[in-house]
Amino acid sequence: MRDVVLTDRGPKPIGPYSQAVRVNGFLYVSGQIALDPKTGEMTTGDIAQQTERTMENVKGIVEAAGSKMPHVIKTTVFLKNMSDFSAMNEVYAHYFSAAPPARSTVEVARLPKDALVEIEVIAAL
């Protein structure tokens, strides 16, 4: 069974995709950027500020779907500039302090809304 997740704890999708989908005991969260879910506007600021907003979006969607951040098993981080890795990682680490999930981090040429970071996750329910 496939169940689409839509919550006001994360930004509304800006295209033809779901915030997240629950299926077979897993939660697949679409890539999130630093959009403020209340205003729909991008969070301005440096990589740390954008990572914080992005992770809060991820956390809101994960929790609204019935899971928890410690149940995240895999993340993919897309960075506009790999030189931002350390600053992003410092903020990211606060959300996964014990037994962090598997992760891939890649540099990309451009992200939606000219974001500095995008993060997608897979979690167990």
Protein backbone atom coordinates (compact mmCIF):
# COMPACT_ATOMS: atom_id res chain seq x y z
CA MET A 1 0.00 0.00 0.00
CA ARG A 2 1.25 3.47 -0.95
CA ASP A 3 0.33 6.51 1.14
CA VAL A 4 1.16 10.10 0.18
CA VAL A 5 2.20 12.44 3.00
CA LEU A 6 1.25 16.12 2.93
CA THR A 7 1.79 18.31 5.98
CA ASP A 8 2.05 22.00 6.77
CA ARG A 9 5.20 21.16 8.79
CA GLY A 10 7.11 21.19 5.50
CA PRO A 11 6.89 23.41 2.43
CA LYS A 12 4.24 22.64 -0.14
CA PRO A 13 5.67 20.88 -3.20
CA ILE A 14 6.76 23.28 -5.94
CA GLY A 15 6.26 20.70 -8.67
CA PRO A 16 4.54 17.40 -9.46
CA TYR A 17 5.87 15.40 -6.49
CA SER A 18 4.81 14.47 -2.95
CA GLN A 19 6.52 15.70 0.20
CA ALA A 20 6.89 12.05 1.14
CA VAL A 21 5.48 8.61 0.41
CA ARG A 22 4.97 5.76 2.90
CA VAL A 23 5.25 2.27 1.48
CA ASN A 24 6.08 -1.17 2.93
CA GLY A 25 7.30 0.15 6.28
CA PHE A 26 9.50 2.88 4.79
CA LEU A 27 9.16 6.61 4.34
CA TYR A 28 10.71 8.27 1.29
CA VAL A 29 11.02 12.04 1.78
CA SER A 30 11.52 14.16 -1.33
CA GLY A 31 14.49 16.52 -1.45
CA GLN A 32 13.88 19.50 0.81
CA ILE A 33 15.39 22.95 0.49
CA ALA A 34 15.29 26.00 2.78
CA LEU A 35 11.73 27.05 1.96
CA ASP A 36 9.83 28.41 4.95
CA PRO A 37 6.67 26.27 5.17
CA LYS A 38 4.64 29.20 6.53
CA THR A 39 5.52 31.74 3.85
CA GLY A 40 6.76 29.61 0.94
CA GLU A 41 9.79 31.91 0.72
CA MET A 42 13.43 30.85 0.66
CA THR A 43 15.42 31.33 3.84
CA THR A 44 18.13 33.81 3.11
CA GLY A 45 21.53 33.45 4.63
CA ASP A 46 24.56 31.22 4.58
CA ILE A 47 24.83 27.45 4.30
CA ALA A 48 24.35 26.97 8.07
CA GLN A 49 21.06 28.88 8.07
CA GLN A 50 19.81 27.11 4.95
CA THR A 51 20.82 23.70 6.34
CA GLU A 52 18.97 24.43 9.60
CA ARG A 53 15.75 25.34 7.75
CA THR A 54 16.14 22.35 5.42
CA MET A 55 16.60 19.93 8.32
CA GLU A 56 13.62 21.42 10.15
CA ASN A 57 11.56 20.79 7.01
CA VAL A 58 12.81 17.19 6.84
CA LYS A 59 12.12 16.67 10.55
CA GLY A 60 8.60 18.10 10.26
CA ILE A 61 7.72 15.81 7.36
CA VAL A 62 9.29 12.73 8.99
CA GLU A 63 7.39 13.31 12.23
CA ALA A 64 4.11 14.15 10.49
CA ALA A 65 4.40 10.85 8.62
CA GLY A 66 4.65 8.94 11.90
CA SER A 67 8.39 8.35 12.07
CA LYS A 68 11.25 9.97 13.99
CA MET A 69 14.66 11.35 13.06
CA PRO A 70 16.50 8.42 14.74
CA HIS A 71 14.64 6.15 12.29
CA VAL A 72 16.24 7.84 9.26
CA ILE A 73 18.42 5.21 7.62
CA LYS A 74 19.76 7.02 4.52
CA THR A 75 20.21 10.62 3.44
CA THR A 76 21.44 12.27 0.30
CA VAL A 77 22.83 15.80 0.57
CA PHE A 78 23.18 17.96 -2.52
CA LEU A 79 25.49 20.96 -2.11
CA LYS A 80 25.89 23.84 -4.50
CA ASN A 81 29.49 24.19 -3.31
CA MET A 82 31.46 21.37 -1.69
CA SER A 83 33.49 23.98 0.21
CA ASP A 84 30.32 24.39 2.34
CA PHE A 85 30.60 20.76 3.51
CA SER A 86 32.02 21.49 6.99
CA ALA A 87 29.46 24.18 7.84
CA MET A 88 26.58 22.03 6.55
CA ASN A 89 27.93 19.00 8.41
CA GLU A 90 28.06 20.89 11.72
CA VAL A 91 24.35 21.71 11.55
CA TYR A 92 23.41 18.28 10.11
CA ALA A 93 25.18 16.51 12.99
CA HIS A 94 22.80 18.09 15.54
CA TYR A 95 19.92 16.16 13.97
CA PHE A 96 21.72 12.80 14.00
CA SER A 97 23.83 12.81 17.16
CA ALA A 98 23.69 9.06 17.84
CA ALA A 99 24.00 6.33 15.20
CA PRO A 100 23.79 8.65 12.18
CA PRO A 101 22.26 7.30 8.97
CA ALA A 102 24.17 6.27 5.87
CA ARG A 103 24.77 9.31 3.68
CA SER A 104 25.92 10.44 0.26
CA THR A 105 26.97 14.04 -0.35
CA VAL A 106 27.44 15.42 -3.83
CA GLU A 107 28.14 18.80 -5.36
CA VAL A 108 25.69 19.93 -8.01
CA ALA A 109 25.68 22.80 -10.48
CA ARG A 110 22.35 24.25 -9.39
CA LEU A 111 19.43 23.54 -7.06
CA PRO A 112 15.78 24.67 -7.12
CA LYS A 113 15.28 28.31 -6.09
CA ASP A 114 19.09 28.67 -6.16
CA ALA A 115 19.29 26.89 -2.79
CA LEU A 116 22.70 26.14 -1.32
CA VAL A 117 21.62 22.70 -0.04
CA GLU A 118 18.96 20.06 -0.67
CA ILE A 119 18.47 16.97 1.49
CA GLU A 120 16.37 13.85 0.89
CA VAL A 121 15.89 10.99 3.35
CA ILE A 122 14.64 7.45 3.70
CA ALA A 123 13.30 6.43 7.11
CA ALA A 124 11.83 3.34 8.70
CA LEU A 125 8.30 3.69 10.05
